[in-house]
C-alpha atoms as a PDB file:
ATOM      1  CA  MET A   1    -301.835  38.485  -5.090  1.00  0.00           C
ATOM      2  CA  THR A   2    -299.514  40.861  -6.834  1.00  0.00           C
ATOM      3  CA  ALA A   3    -297.026  43.062  -5.060  1.00  0.00           C
ATOM      4  CA  GLN A   4    -299.473  45.949  -5.349  1.00  0.00           C
ATOM      5  CA  GLY A   5    -302.267  43.815  -3.898  1.00  0.00           C
ATOM      6  CA  ASP A   6    -304.751  44.706  -6.621  1.00  0.00           C
ATOM      7  CA  LYS A   7    -305.186  41.348  -8.411  1.00  0.00           C
ATOM      8  CA  ILE A   8    -305.969  37.798  -7.374  1.00  0.00           C
ATOM      9  CA  GLY A   9    -306.022  34.520  -9.251  1.00  0.00           C
ATOM     10  CA  ILE A  10    -308.379  31.698  -8.326  1.00  0.00           C
ATOM     11  CA  ILE A  11    -308.192  28.174  -9.680  1.00  0.00           C
ATOM     12  CA  GLY A  12    -311.689  26.734  -9.784  1.00  0.00           C
ATOM     13  CA  GLY A  13    -314.986  28.583  -9.929  1.00  0.00           C
ATOM     14  CA  GLY A  14    -317.132  26.200  -7.930  1.00  0.00           C
ATOM     15  CA  LEU A  15    -319.139  27.344  -4.947  1.00  0.00           C
ATOM     16  CA  MET A  16    -316.083  28.225  -2.857  1.00  0.00           C
ATOM     17  CA  GLY A  17    -313.998  29.695  -5.692  1.00  0.00           C
ATOM     18  CA  SER A  18    -316.817  31.865  -6.997  1.00  0.00           C
ATOM     19  CA  GLY A  19    -317.578  33.076  -3.471  1.00  0.00           C
ATOM     20  CA  ILE A  20    -313.951  34.053  -2.902  1.00  0.00           C
ATOM     21  CA  GLY A  21    -313.863  35.747  -6.309  1.00  0.00           C
ATOM     22  CA  GLU A  22    -317.024  37.701  -5.572  1.00  0.00           C
ATOM     23  CA  VAL A  23    -315.772  38.929  -2.200  1.00  0.00           C
ATOM     24  CA  CYS A  24    -312.468  40.010  -3.728  1.00  0.00           C
ATOM     25  CA  ALA A  25    -314.139  41.801  -6.652  1.00  0.00           C
ATOM     26  CA  ARG A  26    -316.570  43.553  -4.328  1.00  0.00           C
ATOM     27  CA  ALA A  27    -313.520  44.755  -2.359  1.00  0.00           C
ATOM     28  CA  GLY A  28    -312.133  46.321  -5.541  1.00  0.00           C
ATOM     29  CA  LEU A  29    -309.618  43.684  -6.625  1.00  0.00           C
ATOM     30  CA  ASP A  30    -309.311  42.432 -10.194  1.00  0.00           C
ATOM     31  CA  VAL A  31    -310.012  38.703 -10.274  1.00  0.00           C
ATOM     32  CA  VAL A  32    -308.913  36.047 -12.759  1.00  0.00           C
ATOM     33  CA  MET A  33    -310.774  32.781 -12.248  1.00  0.00           C
ATOM     34  CA  ILE A  34    -309.421  29.740 -14.081  1.00  0.00           C
ATOM     35  CA  GLU A  35    -311.644  26.789 -14.943  1.00  0.00           C
ATOM     36  CA  SER A  36    -310.799  23.527 -16.709  1.00  0.00           C
ATOM     37  CA  THR A  37    -313.513  23.631 -19.407  1.00  0.00           C
ATOM     38  CA  ASN A  38    -315.644  26.205 -21.202  1.00  0.00           C
ATOM     39  CA  SER A  39    -318.818  24.767 -19.693  1.00  0.00           C
ATOM     40  CA  ALA A  40    -317.368  25.027 -16.188  1.00  0.00           C
ATOM     41  CA  ALA A  41    -316.297  28.612 -16.914  1.00  0.00           C
ATOM     42  CA  GLU A  42    -319.813  29.505 -18.091  1.00  0.00           C
ATOM     43  CA  ALA A  43    -321.309  27.882 -14.980  1.00  0.00           C
ATOM     44  CA  ALA A  44    -318.951  29.892 -12.737  1.00  0.00           C
ATOM     45  CA  ARG A  45    -319.826  33.114 -14.559  1.00  0.00           C
ATOM     46  CA  ALA A  46    -323.562  32.379 -14.239  1.00  0.00           C
ATOM     47  CA  ARG A  47    -323.149  31.577 -10.525  1.00  0.00           C
ATOM     48  CA  LEU A  48    -321.417  34.920  -9.969  1.00  0.00           C
ATOM     49  CA  GLU A  49    -324.040  36.862 -11.909  1.00  0.00           C
ATOM     50  CA  ARG A  50    -326.893  35.243  -9.944  1.00  0.00           C
ATOM     51  CA  SER A  51    -325.216  35.997  -6.629  1.00  0.00           C
ATOM     52  CA  LEU A  52    -324.505  39.619  -7.538  1.00  0.00           C
ATOM     53  CA  THR A  53    -328.061  40.119  -8.821  1.00  0.00           C
ATOM     54  CA  ARG A  54    -329.477  38.747  -5.560  1.00  0.00           C
ATOM     55  CA  ALA A  55    -327.215  41.075  -3.554  1.00  0.00           C
ATOM     56  CA  ALA A  56    -328.456  44.044  -5.586  1.00  0.00           C
ATOM     57  CA  GLU A  57    -332.102  43.014  -5.114  1.00  0.00           C
ATOM     58  CA  ARG A  58    -331.539  42.924  -1.357  1.00  0.00           C
ATOM     59  CA  GLY A  59    -329.994  46.397  -1.393  1.00  0.00           C
ATOM     60  CA  LYS A  60    -326.522  45.162  -0.456  1.00  0.00           C
ATOM     61  CA  LEU A  61    -324.884  46.112  -3.749  1.00  0.00           C
ATOM     62  CA  GLU A  62    -325.485  49.098  -6.006  1.00  0.00           C
ATOM     63  CA  ASP A  63    -323.946  48.010  -9.306  1.00  0.00           C
ATOM     64  CA  PRO A  64    -323.497  44.288  -9.945  1.00  0.00           C
ATOM     65  CA  SER A  65    -322.176  44.937 -13.459  1.00  0.00           C
ATOM     66  CA  ALA A  66    -319.281  47.008 -12.057  1.00  0.00           C
ATOM     67  CA  VAL A  67    -318.285  44.106  -9.810  1.00  0.00           C
ATOM     68  CA  MET A  68    -318.662  41.590 -12.649  1.00  0.00           C
ATOM     69  CA  ALA A  69    -316.433  43.790 -14.832  1.00  0.00           C
ATOM     70  CA  ARG A  70    -313.576  43.141 -12.382  1.00  0.00           C
ATOM     71  CA  ILE A  71    -313.885  39.351 -12.803  1.00  0.00           C
ATOM     72  CA  ARG A  72    -312.449  37.455 -15.758  1.00  0.00           C
ATOM     73  CA  VAL A  73    -313.352  33.780 -16.030  1.00  0.00           C
ATOM     74  CA  THR A  74    -311.090  31.841 -18.393  1.00  0.00           C
ATOM     75  CA  THR A  75    -309.824  28.374 -19.244  1.00  0.00           C
ATOM     76  CA  LYS A  76    -306.308  29.607 -20.028  1.00  0.00           C
ATOM     77  CA  MET A  77    -303.544  30.007 -17.468  1.00  0.00           C
END
């Protein structure tokens, strides 16, 4: 995390990494998630979107797109 505590970097967007990223983004932090390939990055992004959509359908989250806007999935360090 940065000195201000407003950003977090995660290496790997698998089940655990995407879950950590989602929790952090829902708490208001900006998240950078780094994956090794474009296909892995797309899979991580899709996993996050599905999870946020399910949370919204269950009434646990108002705006999944606002949370997703705080997450950047990339293959570049």
